[in-house]
PDB file of N, CA and C in Angstrom:
ATOM      1  N   MET A   1      25.646  14.857 -24.272  1.00  0.00           N
ATOM      2  CA  MET A   1      24.721  13.950 -23.621  1.00  0.00           C
ATOM      3  C   MET A   1      24.312  12.864 -24.597  1.00  0.00           C
ATOM      4  N   ASN A   2      24.315  13.067 -25.869  1.00  0.00           N
ATOM      5  CA  ASN A   2      24.051  12.105 -26.939  1.00  0.00           C
ATOM      6  C   ASN A   2      22.933  11.114 -26.625  1.00  0.00           C
ATOM      7  N   GLU A   3      23.315   9.867 -26.221  1.00  0.00           N
ATOM      8  CA  GLU A   3      22.316   8.829 -25.978  1.00  0.00           C
ATOM      9  C   GLU A   3      21.392   9.159 -24.813  1.00  0.00           C
ATOM     10  N   ASN A   4      21.743  10.150 -24.017  1.00  0.00           N
ATOM     11  CA  ASN A   4      20.924  10.527 -22.871  1.00  0.00           C
ATOM     12  C   ASN A   4      20.100  11.787 -23.147  1.00  0.00           C
ATOM     13  N   SER A   5      19.897  12.147 -24.417  1.00  0.00           N
ATOM     14  CA  SER A   5      19.268  13.419 -24.747  1.00  0.00           C
ATOM     15  C   SER A   5      17.835  13.546 -24.242  1.00  0.00           C
ATOM     16  N   ASP A   6      17.126  12.460 -24.086  1.00  0.00           N
ATOM     17  CA  ASP A   6      15.741  12.527 -23.618  1.00  0.00           C
ATOM     18  C   ASP A   6      15.569  12.102 -22.164  1.00  0.00           C
ATOM     19  N   VAL A   7      16.665  11.783 -21.502  1.00  0.00           N
ATOM     20  CA  VAL A   7      16.590  11.290 -20.121  1.00  0.00           C
ATOM     21  C   VAL A   7      15.867  12.275 -19.224  1.00  0.00           C
ATOM     22  N   HIS A   8      16.239  13.538 -19.267  1.00  0.00           N
ATOM     23  CA  HIS A   8      15.640  14.519 -18.357  1.00  0.00           C
ATOM     24  C   HIS A   8      14.141  14.682 -18.615  1.00  0.00           C
ATOM     25  N   THR A   9      13.727  14.642 -19.868  1.00  0.00           N
ATOM     26  CA  THR A   9      12.307  14.777 -20.192  1.00  0.00           C
ATOM     27  C   THR A   9      11.524  13.582 -19.652  1.00  0.00           C
ATOM     28  N   GLU A  10      11.979  12.388 -19.954  1.00  0.00           N
ATOM     29  CA  GLU A  10      11.310  11.182 -19.471  1.00  0.00           C
ATOM     30  C   GLU A  10      11.316  11.117 -17.944  1.00  0.00           C
ATOM     31  N   PHE A  11      12.452  11.455 -17.347  1.00  0.00           N
ATOM     32  CA  PHE A  11      12.584  11.395 -15.899  1.00  0.00           C
ATOM     33  C   PHE A  11      11.562  12.318 -15.229  1.00  0.00           C
ATOM     34  N   PHE A  12      11.526  13.589 -15.658  1.00  0.00           N
ATOM     35  CA  PHE A  12      10.636  14.530 -14.991  1.00  0.00           C
ATOM     36  C   PHE A  12       9.174  14.344 -15.384  1.00  0.00           C
ATOM     37  N   ASP A  13       8.892  13.716 -16.508  1.00  0.00           N
ATOM     38  CA  ASP A  13       7.507  13.336 -16.819  1.00  0.00           C
ATOM     39  C   ASP A  13       6.989  12.321 -15.800  1.00  0.00           C
ATOM     40  N   THR A  14       7.779  11.296 -15.508  1.00  0.00           N
ATOM     41  CA  THR A  14       7.322  10.282 -14.538  1.00  0.00           C
ATOM     42  C   THR A  14       7.334  10.838 -13.112  1.00  0.00           C
ATOM     43  N   TYR A  15       8.294  11.709 -12.811  1.00  0.00           N
ATOM     44  CA  TYR A  15       8.361  12.338 -11.492  1.00  0.00           C
ATOM     45  C   TYR A  15       7.122  13.223 -11.279  1.00  0.00           C
ATOM     46  N   THR A  16       6.762  14.012 -12.292  1.00  0.00           N
ATOM     47  CA  THR A  16       5.581  14.870 -12.205  1.00  0.00           C
ATOM     48  C   THR A  16       4.318  14.039 -12.006  1.00  0.00           C
ATOM     49  N   ARG A  17       4.205  12.928 -12.731  1.00  0.00           N
ATOM     50  CA  ARG A  17       3.039  12.057 -12.579  1.00  0.00           C
ATOM     51  C   ARG A  17       2.952  11.527 -11.143  1.00  0.00           C
ATOM     52  N   ALA A  18       4.079  11.137 -10.570  1.00  0.00           N
ATOM     53  CA  ALA A  18       4.088  10.646  -9.191  1.00  0.00           C
ATOM     54  C   ALA A  18       3.674  11.747  -8.217  1.00  0.00           C
ATOM     55  N   LEU A  19       4.096  12.989  -8.485  1.00  0.00           N
ATOM     56  CA  LEU A  19       3.689  14.114  -7.627  1.00  0.00           C
ATOM     57  C   LEU A  19       2.186  14.343  -7.709  1.00  0.00           C
ATOM     58  N   ILE A  20       1.648  14.358  -8.924  1.00  0.00           N
ATOM     59  CA  ILE A  20       0.211  14.576  -9.105  1.00  0.00           C
ATOM     60  C   ILE A  20      -0.594  13.457  -8.453  1.00  0.00           C
ATOM     61  N   ASP A  21      -0.094  12.230  -8.573  1.00  0.00           N
ATOM     62  CA  ASP A  21      -0.770  11.080  -7.970  1.00  0.00           C
ATOM     63  C   ASP A  21      -0.572  10.995  -6.463  1.00  0.00           C
ATOM     64  N   ARG A  22       0.314  11.837  -5.941  1.00  0.00           N
ATOM     65  CA  ARG A  22       0.671  11.811  -4.507  1.00  0.00           C
ATOM     66  C   ARG A  22       1.096  10.407  -4.088  1.00  0.00           C
ATOM     67  N   ASP A  23       1.985   9.859  -4.897  1.00  0.00           N
ATOM     68  CA  ASP A  23       2.498   8.502  -4.695  1.00  0.00           C
ATOM     69  C   ASP A  23       3.904   8.593  -4.098  1.00  0.00           C
ATOM     70  N   ALA A  24       3.978   8.606  -2.780  1.00  0.00           N
ATOM     71  CA  ALA A  24       5.252   8.811  -2.082  1.00  0.00           C
ATOM     72  C   ALA A  24       6.276   7.745  -2.441  1.00  0.00           C
ATOM     73  N   ALA A  25       5.862   6.503  -2.617  1.00  0.00           N
ATOM     74  CA  ALA A  25       6.796   5.430  -2.972  1.00  0.00           C
ATOM     75  C   ALA A  25       7.386   5.668  -4.359  1.00  0.00           C
ATOM     76  N   ALA A  26       6.548   6.089  -5.310  1.00  0.00           N
ATOM     77  CA  ALA A  26       7.031   6.359  -6.670  1.00  0.00           C
ATOM     78  C   ALA A  26       7.968   7.563  -6.686  1.00  0.00           C
ATOM     79  N   ILE A  27       7.656   8.575  -5.893  1.00  0.00           N
ATOM     80  CA  ILE A  27       8.547   9.736  -5.796  1.00  0.00           C
ATOM     81  C   ILE A  27       9.895   9.296  -5.232  1.00  0.00           C
ATOM     82  N   ALA A  28       9.858   8.541  -4.141  1.00  0.00           N
ATOM     83  CA  ALA A  28      11.096   8.080  -3.502  1.00  0.00           C
ATOM     84  C   ALA A  28      11.942   7.248  -4.453  1.00  0.00           C
ATOM     85  N   ASP A  29      11.301   6.525  -5.352  1.00  0.00           N
ATOM     86  CA  ASP A  29      12.028   5.705  -6.315  1.00  0.00           C
ATOM     87  C   ASP A  29      12.841   6.546  -7.288  1.00  0.00           C
ATOM     88  N   HIS A  30      12.560   7.840  -7.371  1.00  0.00           N
ATOM     89  CA  HIS A  30      13.311   8.741  -8.238  1.00  0.00           C
ATOM     90  C   HIS A  30      14.593   9.260  -7.571  1.00  0.00           C
ATOM     91  N   TYR A  31      14.799   8.938  -6.315  1.00  0.00           N
ATOM     92  CA  TYR A  31      15.957   9.437  -5.573  1.00  0.00           C
ATOM     93  C   TYR A  31      17.003   8.348  -5.378  1.00  0.00           C
ATOM     94  N   ALA A  32      18.259   8.737  -5.527  1.00  0.00           N
ATOM     95  CA  ALA A  32      19.375   7.834  -5.247  1.00  0.00           C
ATOM     96  C   ALA A  32      19.523   7.691  -3.740  1.00  0.00           C
ATOM     97  N   VAL A  33      20.140   6.627  -3.347  1.00  0.00           N
ATOM     98  CA  VAL A  33      20.528   6.437  -1.948  1.00  0.00           C
ATOM     99  C   VAL A  33      21.997   6.038  -1.980  1.00  0.00           C
ATOM    100  N   PRO A  34      22.878   6.853  -1.457  1.00  0.00           N
ATOM    101  CA  PRO A  34      22.608   8.096  -0.733  1.00  0.00           C
ATOM    102  C   PRO A  34      22.292   9.255  -1.680  1.00  0.00           C
ATOM    103  N   ALA A  35      21.656  10.274  -1.102  1.00  0.00           N
ATOM    104  CA  ALA A  35      21.365  11.521  -1.806  1.00  0.00           C
ATOM    105  C   ALA A  35      21.565  12.669  -0.820  1.00  0.00           C
ATOM    106  N   GLN A  36      21.594  13.877  -1.343  1.00  0.00           N
ATOM    107  CA  GLN A  36      21.797  15.061  -0.520  1.00  0.00           C
ATOM    108  C   GLN A  36      20.727  16.085  -0.878  1.00  0.00           C
ATOM    109  N   ILE A  37      20.012  16.572   0.137  1.00  0.00           N
ATOM    110  CA  ILE A  37      19.026  17.625  -0.051  1.00  0.00           C
ATOM    111  C   ILE A  37      19.566  18.862   0.645  1.00  0.00           C
ATOM    112  N   GLU A  38      19.717  19.945  -0.102  1.00  0.00           N
ATOM    113  CA  GLU A  38      20.333  21.171   0.412  1.00  0.00           C
ATOM    114  C   GLU A  38      19.304  22.281   0.563  1.00  0.00           C
ATOM    115  N   PHE A  39      18.459  22.198   1.589  1.00  0.00           N
ATOM    116  CA  PHE A  39      17.524  23.274   1.869  1.00  0.00           C
ATOM    117  C   PHE A  39      18.285  24.426   2.510  1.00  0.00           C
ATOM    118  N   PRO A  40      17.797  25.657   2.357  1.00  0.00           N
ATOM    119  CA  PRO A  40      18.460  26.786   3.036  1.00  0.00           C
ATOM    120  C   PRO A  40      18.486  26.554   4.544  1.00  0.00           C
ATOM    121  N   GLY A  41      19.670  26.543   5.105  1.00  0.00           N
ATOM    122  CA  GLY A  41      19.826  26.355   6.537  1.00  0.00           C
ATOM    123  C   GLY A  41      19.628  24.936   7.018  1.00  0.00           C
ATOM    124  N   GLN A  42      19.426  24.007   6.118  1.00  0.00           N
ATOM    125  CA  GLN A  42      19.213  22.611   6.515  1.00  0.00           C
ATOM    126  C   GLN A  42      19.740  21.680   5.433  1.00  0.00           C
ATOM    127  N   ARG A  43      20.634  20.826   5.817  1.00  0.00           N
ATOM    128  CA  ARG A  43      21.199  19.824   4.917  1.00  0.00           C
ATOM    129  C   ARG A  43      20.687  18.465   5.365  1.00  0.00           C
ATOM    130  N   ILE A  44      20.115  17.699   4.417  1.00  0.00           N
ATOM    131  CA  ILE A  44      19.586  16.383   4.741  1.00  0.00           C
ATOM    132  C   ILE A  44      20.346  15.335   3.942  1.00  0.00           C
ATOM    133  N   ALA A  45      21.011  14.441   4.644  1.00  0.00           N
ATOM    134  CA  ALA A  45      21.670  13.308   3.999  1.00  0.00           C
ATOM    135  C   ALA A  45      20.671  12.164   3.957  1.00  0.00           C
ATOM    136  N   VAL A  46      20.311  11.740   2.762  1.00  0.00           N
ATOM    137  CA  VAL A  46      19.356  10.650   2.599  1.00  0.00           C
ATOM    138  C   VAL A  46      20.133   9.342   2.549  1.00  0.00           C
ATOM    139  N   THR A  47      19.894   8.504   3.535  1.00  0.00           N
ATOM    140  CA  THR A  47      20.622   7.237   3.626  1.00  0.00           C
ATOM    141  C   THR A  47      19.719   6.023   3.428  1.00  0.00           C
ATOM    142  N   ASP A  48      18.410   6.287   3.313  1.00  0.00           N
ATOM    143  CA  ASP A  48      17.462   5.200   3.133  1.00  0.00           C
ATOM    144  C   ASP A  48      16.258   5.740   2.365  1.00  0.00           C
ATOM    145  N   ALA A  49      15.747   4.965   1.425  1.00  0.00           N
ATOM    146  CA  ALA A  49      14.609   5.400   0.604  1.00  0.00           C
ATOM    147  C   ALA A  49      13.386   5.746   1.454  1.00  0.00           C
ATOM    148  N   SER A  50      13.258   5.129   2.615  1.00  0.00           N
ATOM    149  CA  SER A  50      12.094   5.412   3.463  1.00  0.00           C
ATOM    150  C   SER A  50      12.099   6.861   3.955  1.00  0.00           C
ATOM    151  N   GLN A  51      13.275   7.495   4.056  1.00  0.00           N
ATOM    152  CA  GLN A  51      13.338   8.911   4.445  1.00  0.00           C
ATOM    153  C   GLN A  51      12.612   9.772   3.411  1.00  0.00           C
ATOM    154  N   THR A  52      12.891   9.528   2.144  1.00  0.00           N
ATOM    155  CA  THR A  52      12.283  10.310   1.075  1.00  0.00           C
ATOM    156  C   THR A  52      10.787  10.036   1.014  1.00  0.00           C
ATOM    157  N   GLU A  53      10.419   8.777   1.100  1.00  0.00           N
ATOM    158  CA  GLU A  53       9.004   8.418   1.064  1.00  0.00           C
ATOM    159  C   GLU A  53       8.253   9.077   2.218  1.00  0.00           C
ATOM    160  N   GLY A  54       8.807   9.026   3.411  1.00  0.00           N
ATOM    161  CA  GLY A  54       8.178   9.632   4.583  1.00  0.00           C
ATOM    162  C   GLY A  54       8.074  11.146   4.463  1.00  0.00           C
ATOM    163  N   PHE A  55       9.123  11.768   3.927  1.00  0.00           N
ATOM    164  CA  PHE A  55       9.108  13.217   3.747  1.00  0.00           C
ATOM    165  C   PHE A  55       7.965  13.630   2.835  1.00  0.00           C
ATOM    166  N   PHE A  56       7.852  12.986   1.673  1.00  0.00           N
ATOM    167  CA  PHE A  56       6.805  13.371   0.732  1.00  0.00           C
ATOM    168  C   PHE A  56       5.419  13.011   1.247  1.00  0.00           C
ATOM    169  N   ALA A  57       5.283  11.878   1.894  1.00  0.00           N
ATOM    170  CA  ALA A  57       3.983  11.509   2.457  1.00  0.00           C
ATOM    171  C   ALA A  57       3.512  12.572   3.453  1.00  0.00           C
ATOM    172  N   GLY A  58       4.455  13.129   4.203  1.00  0.00           N
ATOM    173  CA  GLY A  58       4.118  14.169   5.172  1.00  0.00           C
ATOM    174  C   GLY A  58       3.921  15.545   4.570  1.00  0.00           C
ATOM    175  N   ALA A  59       4.347  15.740   3.323  1.00  0.00           N
ATOM    176  CA  ALA A  59       4.276  17.056   2.684  1.00  0.00           C
ATOM    177  C   ALA A  59       3.092  17.202   1.735  1.00  0.00           C
ATOM    178  N   PHE A  60       2.348  16.142   1.503  1.00  0.00           N
ATOM    179  CA  PHE A  60       1.267  16.201   0.522  1.00  0.00           C
ATOM    180  C   PHE A  60       0.202  17.236   0.871  1.00  0.00           C
ATOM    181  N   GLY A  61       0.036  17.554   2.134  1.00  0.00           N
ATOM    182  CA  GLY A  61      -0.960  18.548   2.544  1.00  0.00           C
ATOM    183  C   GLY A  61      -0.758  19.895   1.879  1.00  0.00           C
ATOM    184  N   GLN A  62       0.485  20.293   1.658  1.00  0.00           N
ATOM    185  CA  GLN A  62       0.737  21.603   1.051  1.00  0.00           C
ATOM    186  C   GLN A  62       0.376  21.643  -0.436  1.00  0.00           C
ATOM    187  N   TYR A  63       0.137  20.462  -1.017  1.00  0.00           N
ATOM    188  CA  TYR A  63      -0.238  20.373  -2.427  1.00  0.00           C
ATOM    189  C   TYR A  63      -1.691  19.907  -2.591  1.00  0.00           C
ATOM    190  N   GLU A  64      -2.474  20.048  -1.524  1.00  0.00           N
ATOM    191  CA  GLU A  64      -3.824  19.490  -1.483  1.00  0.00           C
ATOM    192  C   GLU A  64      -4.692  19.882  -2.676  1.00  0.00           C
ATOM    193  N   GLY A  65      -4.691  21.140  -3.079  1.00  0.00           N
ATOM    194  CA  GLY A  65      -5.552  21.577  -4.170  1.00  0.00           C
ATOM    195  C   GLY A  65      -4.950  21.431  -5.556  1.00  0.00           C
ATOM    196  N   VAL A  66      -3.735  20.941  -5.644  1.00  0.00           N
ATOM    197  CA  VAL A  66      -3.047  20.857  -6.930  1.00  0.00           C
ATOM    198  C   VAL A  66      -3.653  19.751  -7.793  1.00  0.00           C
ATOM    199  N   THR A  67      -4.068  20.138  -8.989  1.00  0.00           N
ATOM    200  CA  THR A  67      -4.657  19.181  -9.922  1.00  0.00           C
ATOM    201  C   THR A  67      -3.781  18.971 -11.152  1.00  0.00           C
ATOM    202  N   ASP A  68      -2.851  19.892 -11.377  1.00  0.00           N
ATOM    203  CA  ASP A  68      -1.955  19.774 -12.526  1.00  0.00           C
ATOM    204  C   ASP A  68      -0.664  20.513 -12.208  1.00  0.00           C
ATOM    205  N   ILE A  69       0.413  20.102 -12.865  1.00  0.00           N
ATOM    206  CA  ILE A  69       1.722  20.703 -12.646  1.00  0.00           C
ATOM    207  C   ILE A  69       2.391  20.907 -13.996  1.00  0.00           C
ATOM    208  N   ASP A  70       2.938  22.097 -14.199  1.00  0.00           N
ATOM    209  CA  ASP A  70       3.791  22.354 -15.356  1.00  0.00           C
ATOM    210  C   ASP A  70       5.225  22.384 -14.856  1.00  0.00           C
ATOM    211  N   ALA A  71       6.072  21.583 -15.455  1.00  0.00           N
ATOM    212  CA  ALA A  71       7.491  21.558 -15.100  1.00  0.00           C
ATOM    213  C   ALA A  71       8.292  22.033 -16.303  1.00  0.00           C
ATOM    214  N   THR A  72       9.034  23.120 -16.116  1.00  0.00           N
ATOM    215  CA  THR A  72       9.941  23.611 -17.148  1.00  0.00           C
ATOM    216  C   THR A  72      11.330  23.130 -16.773  1.00  0.00           C
ATOM    217  N   VAL A  73      11.889  22.265 -17.612  1.00  0.00           N
ATOM    218  CA  VAL A  73      13.162  21.606 -17.308  1.00  0.00           C
ATOM    219  C   VAL A  73      14.218  22.118 -18.266  1.00  0.00           C
ATOM    220  N   GLU A  74      15.292  22.680 -17.702  1.00  0.00           N
ATOM    221  CA  GLU A  74      16.412  23.162 -18.505  1.00  0.00           C
ATOM    222  C   GLU A  74      17.676  22.419 -18.086  1.00  0.00           C
ATOM    223  N   VAL A  75      18.314  21.765 -19.035  1.00  0.00           N
ATOM    224  CA  VAL A  75      19.581  21.096 -18.746  1.00  0.00           C
ATOM    225  C   VAL A  75      20.670  22.161 -18.697  1.00  0.00           C
ATOM    226  N   VAL A  76      21.367  22.215 -17.564  1.00  0.00           N
ATOM    227  CA  VAL A  76      22.428  23.189 -17.366  1.00  0.00           C
ATOM    228  C   VAL A  76      23.773  22.602 -17.785  1.00  0.00           C
ATOM    229  N   ALA A  77      23.973  21.327 -17.476  1.00  0.00           N
ATOM    230  CA  ALA A  77      25.211  20.628 -17.841  1.00  0.00           C
ATOM    231  C   ALA A  77      24.921  19.136 -17.852  1.00  0.00           C
ATOM    232  N   ALA A  78      25.741  18.397 -18.602  1.00  0.00           N
ATOM    233  CA  ALA A  78      25.535  16.953 -18.677  1.00  0.00           C
ATOM    234  C   ALA A  78      26.826  16.244 -19.034  1.00  0.00           C
ATOM    235  N   THR A  79      26.978  15.059 -18.479  1.00  0.00           N
ATOM    236  CA  THR A  79      28.049  14.136 -18.831  1.00  0.00           C
ATOM    237  C   THR A  79      27.381  12.783 -19.038  1.00  0.00           C
ATOM    238  N   GLY A  80      28.152  11.739 -19.261  1.00  0.00           N
ATOM    239  CA  GLY A  80      27.575  10.414 -19.419  1.00  0.00           C
ATOM    240  C   GLY A  80      26.977   9.865 -18.140  1.00  0.00           C
ATOM    241  N   HIS A  81      27.374  10.416 -16.986  1.00  0.00           N
ATOM    242  CA  HIS A  81      26.918   9.877 -15.704  1.00  0.00           C
ATOM    243  C   HIS A  81      26.115  10.860 -14.866  1.00  0.00           C
ATOM    244  N   SER A  82      26.064  12.143 -15.256  1.00  0.00           N
ATOM    245  CA  SER A  82      25.334  13.147 -14.485  1.00  0.00           C
ATOM    246  C   SER A  82      24.647  14.135 -15.408  1.00  0.00           C
ATOM    247  N   ILE A  83      23.472  14.573 -14.979  1.00  0.00           N
ATOM    248  CA  ILE A  83      22.743  15.618 -15.690  1.00  0.00           C
ATOM    249  C   ILE A  83      22.279  16.624 -14.635  1.00  0.00           C
ATOM    250  N   TRP A  84      22.631  17.886 -14.820  1.00  0.00           N
ATOM    251  CA  TRP A  84      22.197  18.942 -13.913  1.00  0.00           C
ATOM    252  C   TRP A  84      21.044  19.674 -14.577  1.00  0.00           C
ATOM    253  N   THR A  85      19.905  19.740 -13.886  1.00  0.00           N
ATOM    254  CA  THR A  85      18.717  20.370 -14.449  1.00  0.00           C
ATOM    255  C   THR A  85      18.176  21.445 -13.520  1.00  0.00           C
ATOM    256  N   ASP A  86      17.774  22.527 -14.119  1.00  0.00           N
ATOM    257  CA  ASP A  86      17.105  23.623 -13.428  1.00  0.00           C
ATOM    258  C   ASP A  86      15.624  23.441 -13.744  1.00  0.00           C
ATOM    259  N   VAL A  87      14.814  23.163 -12.722  1.00  0.00           N
ATOM    260  CA  VAL A  87      13.397  22.846 -12.933  1.00  0.00           C
ATOM    261  C   VAL A  87      12.526  23.859 -12.196  1.00  0.00           C
ATOM    262  N   THR A  88      11.632  24.486 -12.950  1.00  0.00           N
ATOM    263  CA  THR A  88      10.627  25.366 -12.355  1.00  0.00           C
ATOM    264  C   THR A  88       9.298  24.620 -12.357  1.00  0.00           C
ATOM    265  N   TRP A  89       8.709  24.531 -11.169  1.00  0.00           N
ATOM    266  CA  TRP A  89       7.433  23.836 -10.975  1.00  0.00           C
ATOM    267  C   TRP A  89       6.336  24.884 -10.828  1.00  0.00           C
ATOM    268  N   ARG A  90       5.331  24.828 -11.707  1.00  0.00           N
ATOM    269  CA  ARG A  90       4.160  25.704 -11.630  1.00  0.00           C
ATOM    270  C   ARG A  90       2.972  24.823 -11.262  1.00  0.00           C
ATOM    271  N   TYR A  91       2.453  25.055 -10.048  1.00  0.00           N
ATOM    272  CA  TYR A  91       1.365  24.225  -9.529  1.00  0.00           C
ATOM    273  C   TYR A  91       0.021  24.891  -9.798  1.00  0.00           C
ATOM    274  N   HIS A  92      -0.916  24.145 -10.329  1.00  0.00           N
ATOM    275  CA  HIS A  92      -2.265  24.648 -10.577  1.00  0.00           C
ATOM    276  C   HIS A  92      -3.169  24.133  -9.462  1.00  0.00           C
ATOM    277  N   GLY A  93      -3.660  25.060  -8.653  1.00  0.00           N
ATOM    278  CA  GLY A  93      -4.562  24.658  -7.592  1.00  0.00           C
ATOM    279  C   GLY A  93      -4.177  25.156  -6.219  1.00  0.00           C
ATOM    280  N   GLY A  94      -3.239  26.088  -6.111  1.00  0.00           N
ATOM    281  CA  GLY A  94      -3.030  26.707  -4.817  1.00  0.00           C
ATOM    282  C   GLY A  94      -1.667  26.595  -4.190  1.00  0.00           C
ATOM    283  N   ALA A  95      -0.849  25.638  -4.537  1.00  0.00           N
ATOM    284  CA  ALA A  95       0.474  25.514  -3.920  1.00  0.00           C
ATOM    285  C   ALA A  95       1.417  26.578  -4.477  1.00  0.00           C
ATOM    286  N   THR A  96       2.399  26.944  -3.698  1.00  0.00           N
ATOM    287  CA  THR A  96       3.400  27.914  -4.110  1.00  0.00           C
ATOM    288  C   THR A  96       4.337  27.281  -5.131  1.00  0.00           C
ATOM    289  N   ASP A  97       4.576  27.997  -6.240  1.00  0.00           N
ATOM    290  CA  ASP A  97       5.490  27.497  -7.258  1.00  0.00           C
ATOM    291  C   ASP A  97       6.895  27.363  -6.678  1.00  0.00           C
ATOM    292  N   GLU A  98       7.711  26.503  -7.302  1.00  0.00           N
ATOM    293  CA  GLU A  98       9.055  26.225  -6.803  1.00  0.00           C
ATOM    294  C   GLU A  98      10.046  26.159  -7.958  1.00  0.00           C
ATOM    295  N   ARG A  99      11.307  26.310  -7.610  1.00  0.00           N
ATOM    296  CA  ARG A  99      12.396  26.130  -8.571  1.00  0.00           C
ATOM    297  C   ARG A  99      13.517  25.390  -7.851  1.00  0.00           C
ATOM    298  N   ASN A 100      14.017  24.322  -8.473  1.00  0.00           N
ATOM    299  CA  ASN A 100      15.072  23.507  -7.865  1.00  0.00           C
ATOM    300  C   ASN A 100      16.124  23.132  -8.900  1.00  0.00           C
ATOM    301  N   MET A 101      17.339  22.952  -8.422  1.00  0.00           N
ATOM    302  CA  MET A 101      18.411  22.379  -9.228  1.00  0.00           C
ATOM    303  C   MET A 101      18.541  20.924  -8.804  1.00  0.00           C
ATOM    304  N   TYR A 102      18.498  20.023  -9.787  1.00  0.00           N
ATOM    305  CA  TYR A 102      18.623  18.596  -9.526  1.00  0.00           C
ATOM    306  C   TYR A 102      19.875  18.080 -10.221  1.00  0.00           C
ATOM    307  N   GLN A 103      20.644  17.282  -9.514  1.00  0.00           N
ATOM    308  CA  GLN A 103      21.699  16.522 -10.167  1.00  0.00           C
ATOM    309  C   GLN A 103      21.197  15.094 -10.280  1.00  0.00           C
ATOM    310  N   LEU A 104      20.992  14.658 -11.515  1.00  0.00           N
ATOM    311  CA  LEU A 104      20.618  13.275 -11.768  1.00  0.00           C
ATOM    312  C   LEU A 104      21.889  12.485 -12.015  1.00  0.00           C
ATOM    313  N   VAL A 105      21.960  11.292 -11.460  1.00  0.00           N
ATOM    314  CA  VAL A 105      23.118  10.429 -11.689  1.00  0.00           C
ATOM    315  C   VAL A 105      22.637   9.092 -12.240  1.00  0.00           C
ATOM    316  N   HIS A 106      23.473   8.504 -13.071  1.00  0.00           N
ATOM    317  CA  HIS A 106      23.140   7.208 -13.639  1.00  0.00           C
ATOM    318  C   HIS A 106      23.570   6.126 -12.653  1.00  0.00           C
ATOM    319  N   THR A 107      22.612   5.341 -12.175  1.00  0.00           N
ATOM    320  CA  THR A 107      22.896   4.271 -11.220  1.00  0.00           C
ATOM    321  C   THR A 107      22.582   2.937 -11.878  1.00  0.00           C
ATOM    322  N   GLU A 108      22.852   1.864 -11.181  1.00  0.00           N
ATOM    323  CA  GLU A 108      22.519   0.541 -11.718  1.00  0.00           C
ATOM    324  C   GLU A 108      21.016   0.354 -11.868  1.00  0.00           C
ATOM    325  N   HIS A 109      20.225   1.227 -11.215  1.00  0.00           N
ATOM    326  CA  HIS A 109      18.758   1.151 -11.287  1.00  0.00           C
ATOM    327  C   HIS A 109      18.179   2.281 -12.136  1.00  0.00           C
ATOM    328  N   GLY A 110      18.988   2.881 -12.985  1.00  0.00           N
ATOM    329  CA  GLY A 110      18.529   3.971 -13.837  1.00  0.00           C
ATOM    330  C   GLY A 110      18.946   5.322 -13.296  1.00  0.00           C
ATOM    331  N   TRP A 111      18.366   6.372 -13.837  1.00  0.00           N
ATOM    332  CA  TRP A 111      18.683   7.739 -13.430  1.00  0.00           C
ATOM    333  C   TRP A 111      17.936   8.081 -12.150  1.00  0.00           C
ATOM    334  N   LYS A 112      18.655   8.714 -11.217  1.00  0.00           N
ATOM    335  CA  LYS A 112      18.093   9.060  -9.916  1.00  0.00           C
ATOM    336  C   LYS A 112      18.573  10.453  -9.511  1.00  0.00           C
ATOM    337  N   ILE A 113      17.815  11.105  -8.645  1.00  0.00           N
ATOM    338  CA  ILE A 113      18.221  12.392  -8.086  1.00  0.00           C
ATOM    339  C   ILE A 113      19.249  12.135  -6.995  1.00  0.00           C
ATOM    340  N   ALA A 114      20.430  12.719  -7.162  1.00  0.00           N
ATOM    341  CA  ALA A 114      21.487  12.571  -6.157  1.00  0.00           C
ATOM    342  C   ALA A 114      21.590  13.807  -5.275  1.00  0.00           C
ATOM    343  N   VAL A 115      21.327  14.973  -5.861  1.00  0.00           N
ATOM    344  CA  VAL A 115      21.388  16.231  -5.105  1.00  0.00           C
ATOM    345  C   VAL A 115      20.225  17.106  -5.550  1.00  0.00           C
ATOM    346  N   LEU A 116      19.526  17.678  -4.572  1.00  0.00           N
ATOM    347  CA  LEU A 116      18.440  18.627  -4.822  1.00  0.00           C
ATOM    348  C   LEU A 116      18.771  19.905  -4.074  1.00  0.00           C
ATOM    349  N   THR A 117      18.742  21.028  -4.772  1.00  0.00           N
ATOM    350  CA  THR A 117      19.011  22.330  -4.157  1.00  0.00           C
ATOM    351  C   THR A 117      17.930  23.308  -4.582  1.00  0.00           C
ATOM    352  N   PRO A 118      17.158  23.861  -3.649  1.00  0.00           N
ATOM    353  CA  PRO A 118      16.178  24.882  -4.012  1.00  0.00           C
ATOM    354  C   PRO A 118      16.867  26.129  -4.538  1.00  0.00           C
ATOM    355  N   LEU A 119      16.252  26.765  -5.535  1.00  0.00           N
ATOM    356  CA  LEU A 119      16.747  28.005  -6.120  1.00  0.00           C
ATOM    357  C   LEU A 119      15.690  29.098  -5.934  1.00  0.00           C
ATOM    358  N   THR A 120      16.089  30.324  -6.153  1.00  0.00           N
ATOM    359  CA  THR A 120      15.152  31.438  -6.078  1.00  0.00           C
ATOM    360  C   THR A 120      14.263  31.398  -7.311  1.00  0.00           C
ATOM    361  N   LEU A 121      12.969  31.500  -7.094  1.00  0.00           N
ATOM    362  CA  LEU A 121      12.008  31.508  -8.188  1.00  0.00           C
ATOM    363  C   LEU A 121      12.014  32.895  -8.802  1.00  0.00           C
ATOM    364  N   GLU A 122      12.213  32.955 -10.104  1.00  0.00           N
ATOM    365  CA  GLU A 122      12.256  34.255 -10.796  1.00  0.00           C
ATOM    366  C   GLU A 122      10.895  34.633 -11.306  1.00  0.00           C
TER     367      GLU A 122
END
């Protein structure tokens, strides 16, 4: 990963801040278009940034009491154009913790989430 050694840290620091701020536009800016969300039993093809923004704007209720988030980010694999990260989210304030695999891709607008897949929380 060489020149990209801090990309995942910087990326998820700003992503976490957007989550805490409940800033749907800033969250959506972290996603590539197109992108793929692989929920169990549901596959979502993201073809427009407004889909991501609308999804998060509608989901903020489940994070209502969250005042802080700890994100443990582990790089699983990396190339010059993609970084696969296993991220465990620990929410302080009532929301259920989560674990996701993210594929970040390098785009003309910086690093973006291209694929998100929920994982089993250990």
